[in-house]
Amino acid sequence: MQRHSLKSKKNNLVIYYTDTVSKAEANKLVNFLVDEGFDPETETETRLDKSGKTYQFEYIVKKGLDTDPEYIQIGKQMGKAMSTSVFAGAPAEVHFMDDNFKLLKVVIPF
């Protein structure tokens, strides 16, 4: 597993990313997320990795949201939008994580 040691930040949103992701890609994602309203009042940490050609965006969700059908649909839409708007059509998965960044659910847009 890659270490998420590199960092991109805008306002209160922080993305830690691995060396499989370029700084330009991380910056483009952080700008996209802020533009989409992903900018809470408190600092939020997320992670970005890439496995093969697939980008993996990890973020913490409240307990129970990882099984909520509506929230899963939002995750699918977010993954599709990231693929199109940020990653030039490359696949993007959304990983729902607990507050210790333990994987709860992988959401793959169709």
C-alpha atoms as a PDB file:
ATOM      1  CA  MET A   1       0.000   0.000   0.000  1.00  0.00           C
ATOM      2  CA  GLN A   2       1.296   3.430  -0.909  1.00  0.00           C
ATOM      3  CA  ARG A   3       1.754   6.097   1.748  1.00  0.00           C
ATOM      4  CA  HIS A   4      -0.329   9.220   1.368  1.00  0.00           C
ATOM      5  CA  SER A   5       2.435  11.651   2.259  1.00  0.00           C
ATOM      6  CA  LEU A   6       2.024  14.377  -0.358  1.00  0.00           C
ATOM      7  CA  LYS A   7      -0.550  17.093   0.280  1.00  0.00           C
ATOM      8  CA  SER A   8      -2.764  19.525  -1.650  1.00  0.00           C
ATOM      9  CA  LYS A   9      -4.976  21.966   0.228  1.00  0.00           C
ATOM     10  CA  LYS A  10      -7.555  24.613  -0.550  1.00  0.00           C
ATOM     11  CA  ASN A  11      -9.561  26.361   2.142  1.00  0.00           C
ATOM     12  CA  ASN A  12     -10.512  23.622   4.629  1.00  0.00           C
ATOM     13  CA  LEU A  13     -10.129  20.676   2.251  1.00  0.00           C
ATOM     14  CA  VAL A  14      -6.901  18.662   2.385  1.00  0.00           C
ATOM     15  CA  ILE A  15      -6.050  15.839  -0.010  1.00  0.00           C
ATOM     16  CA  TYR A  16      -3.175  13.549   0.862  1.00  0.00           C
ATOM     17  CA  TYR A  17      -1.966  11.684  -2.189  1.00  0.00           C
ATOM     18  CA  THR A  18       0.546   9.035  -3.149  1.00  0.00           C
ATOM     19  CA  ASP A  19       3.397   9.223  -5.609  1.00  0.00           C
ATOM     20  CA  THR A  20       1.195   7.403  -8.150  1.00  0.00           C
ATOM     21  CA  VAL A  21      -0.737  10.674  -8.511  1.00  0.00           C
ATOM     22  CA  SER A  22       0.743  13.919  -9.832  1.00  0.00           C
ATOM     23  CA  LYS A  23       0.552  17.171  -7.894  1.00  0.00           C
ATOM     24  CA  ALA A  24      -1.374  18.669 -10.841  1.00  0.00           C
ATOM     25  CA  GLU A  25      -3.998  15.887 -10.579  1.00  0.00           C
ATOM     26  CA  ALA A  26      -4.343  16.376  -6.815  1.00  0.00           C
ATOM     27  CA  ASN A  27      -4.650  20.146  -7.232  1.00  0.00           C
ATOM     28  CA  LYS A  28      -7.238  19.719  -9.984  1.00  0.00           C
ATOM     29  CA  LEU A  29      -9.261  17.401  -7.740  1.00  0.00           C
ATOM     30  CA  VAL A  30      -9.131  19.710  -4.726  1.00  0.00           C
ATOM     31  CA  ASN A  31     -10.277  22.647  -6.883  1.00  0.00           C
ATOM     32  CA  PHE A  32     -13.072  20.526  -8.395  1.00  0.00           C
ATOM     33  CA  LEU A  33     -14.291  19.412  -4.959  1.00  0.00           C
ATOM     34  CA  VAL A  34     -14.276  22.946  -3.550  1.00  0.00           C
ATOM     35  CA  ASP A  35     -16.162  24.184  -6.640  1.00  0.00           C
ATOM     36  CA  GLU A  36     -18.716  21.408  -6.055  1.00  0.00           C
ATOM     37  CA  GLY A  37     -19.271  22.597  -2.481  1.00  0.00           C
ATOM     38  CA  PHE A  38     -17.049  20.064  -0.696  1.00  0.00           C
ATOM     39  CA  ASP A  39     -15.684  22.694   1.681  1.00  0.00           C
ATOM     40  CA  PRO A  40     -16.929  22.206   5.236  1.00  0.00           C
ATOM     41  CA  GLU A  41     -16.342  24.716   8.008  1.00  0.00           C
ATOM     42  CA  THR A  42     -13.871  22.396   9.735  1.00  0.00           C
ATOM     43  CA  GLU A  43     -10.780  20.985   8.073  1.00  0.00           C
ATOM     44  CA  THR A  44     -11.517  17.779   6.166  1.00  0.00           C
ATOM     45  CA  GLU A  45      -8.859  15.259   5.186  1.00  0.00           C
ATOM     46  CA  THR A  46      -9.245  13.025   2.157  1.00  0.00           C
ATOM     47  CA  ARG A  47      -6.908  10.718   0.281  1.00  0.00           C
ATOM     48  CA  LEU A  48      -6.174  10.044  -3.373  1.00  0.00           C
ATOM     49  CA  ASP A  49      -4.385   7.043  -4.800  1.00  0.00           C
ATOM     50  CA  LYS A  50      -4.136   5.377  -8.193  1.00  0.00           C
ATOM     51  CA  SER A  51      -4.097   1.646  -8.882  1.00  0.00           C
ATOM     52  CA  GLY A  52      -3.271   0.912 -12.512  1.00  0.00           C
ATOM     53  CA  LYS A  53      -5.447   3.375 -14.435  1.00  0.00           C
ATOM     54  CA  THR A  54      -8.085   3.721 -11.691  1.00  0.00           C
ATOM     55  CA  TYR A  55      -8.105   6.676  -9.309  1.00  0.00           C
ATOM     56  CA  GLN A  56      -9.250   5.952  -5.765  1.00  0.00           C
ATOM     57  CA  PHE A  57     -10.714   8.851  -3.794  1.00  0.00           C
ATOM     58  CA  GLU A  58     -11.073   8.100  -0.077  1.00  0.00           C
ATOM     59  CA  TYR A  59     -13.095  10.125   2.367  1.00  0.00           C
ATOM     60  CA  ILE A  60     -14.603   9.705   5.788  1.00  0.00           C
ATOM     61  CA  VAL A  61     -18.360   9.201   6.046  1.00  0.00           C
ATOM     62  CA  LYS A  62     -20.615   9.180   9.089  1.00  0.00           C
ATOM     63  CA  LYS A  63     -21.578   5.786  10.432  1.00  0.00           C
ATOM     64  CA  GLY A  64     -24.417   4.263   8.416  1.00  0.00           C
ATOM     65  CA  LEU A  65     -23.965   6.370   5.287  1.00  0.00           C
ATOM     66  CA  ASP A  66     -21.881   3.614   3.699  1.00  0.00           C
ATOM     67  CA  THR A  67     -25.056   1.502   3.487  1.00  0.00           C
ATOM     68  CA  ASP A  68     -27.507   4.304   2.598  1.00  0.00           C
ATOM     69  CA  PRO A  69     -28.709   3.747  -1.017  1.00  0.00           C
ATOM     70  CA  GLU A  70     -29.115   7.487  -1.646  1.00  0.00           C
ATOM     71  CA  TYR A  71     -25.609   8.253  -0.380  1.00  0.00           C
ATOM     72  CA  ILE A  72     -24.171   5.400  -2.450  1.00  0.00           C
ATOM     73  CA  GLN A  73     -25.857   6.937  -5.511  1.00  0.00           C
ATOM     74  CA  ILE A  74     -24.269  10.306  -4.655  1.00  0.00           C
ATOM     75  CA  GLY A  75     -20.896   8.520  -4.454  1.00  0.00           C
ATOM     76  CA  LYS A  76     -21.459   7.016  -7.906  1.00  0.00           C
ATOM     77  CA  GLN A  77     -22.323  10.433  -9.344  1.00  0.00           C
ATOM     78  CA  MET A  78     -19.274  11.975  -7.675  1.00  0.00           C
ATOM     79  CA  GLY A  79     -16.992   9.261  -9.089  1.00  0.00           C
ATOM     80  CA  LYS A  80     -18.391   9.750 -12.580  1.00  0.00           C
ATOM     81  CA  ALA A  81     -17.985  13.541 -12.333  1.00  0.00           C
ATOM     82  CA  MET A  82     -14.391  13.174 -11.103  1.00  0.00           C
ATOM     83  CA  SER A  83     -13.619  10.783 -13.953  1.00  0.00           C
ATOM     84  CA  THR A  84     -14.979  13.210 -16.530  1.00  0.00           C
ATOM     85  CA  SER A  85     -13.937  16.574 -15.067  1.00  0.00           C
ATOM     86  CA  VAL A  86     -10.642  15.762 -13.348  1.00  0.00           C
ATOM     87  CA  PHE A  87      -9.110  12.548 -14.653  1.00  0.00           C
ATOM     88  CA  ALA A  88      -9.682  12.821 -18.440  1.00  0.00           C
ATOM     89  CA  GLY A  89     -12.097   9.904 -18.516  1.00  0.00           C
ATOM     90  CA  ALA A  90      -9.969   7.515 -16.438  1.00  0.00           C
ATOM     91  CA  PRO A  91     -11.987   5.392 -13.991  1.00  0.00           C
ATOM     92  CA  ALA A  92     -12.524   6.861 -10.514  1.00  0.00           C
ATOM     93  CA  GLU A  93     -13.731   4.951  -7.469  1.00  0.00           C
ATOM     94  CA  VAL A  94     -15.073   6.558  -4.318  1.00  0.00           C
ATOM     95  CA  HIS A  95     -14.011   4.813  -1.126  1.00  0.00           C
ATOM     96  CA  PHE A  96     -16.148   5.411   1.961  1.00  0.00           C
ATOM     97  CA  MET A  97     -13.893   5.277   5.040  1.00  0.00           C
ATOM     98  CA  ASP A  98     -14.492   5.294   8.787  1.00  0.00           C
ATOM     99  CA  ASP A  99     -12.907   7.973  10.970  1.00  0.00           C
ATOM    100  CA  ASN A 100      -9.668   5.933  11.153  1.00  0.00           C
ATOM    101  CA  PHE A 101      -9.511   5.644   7.327  1.00  0.00           C
ATOM    102  CA  LYS A 102     -10.550   1.990   7.455  1.00  0.00           C
ATOM    103  CA  LEU A 103     -12.371   1.019   4.253  1.00  0.00           C
ATOM    104  CA  LEU A 104     -16.145   0.646   4.629  1.00  0.00           C
ATOM    105  CA  LYS A 105     -17.318   0.500   1.013  1.00  0.00           C
ATOM    106  CA  VAL A 106     -16.002   0.948  -2.512  1.00  0.00           C
ATOM    107  CA  VAL A 107     -18.409   2.782  -4.812  1.00  0.00           C
ATOM    108  CA  ILE A 108     -17.801   2.213  -8.519  1.00  0.00           C
ATOM    109  CA  PRO A 109     -19.719   4.474 -10.906  1.00  0.00           C
ATOM    110  CA  PHE A 110     -21.420   2.847 -13.888  1.00  0.00           C
END
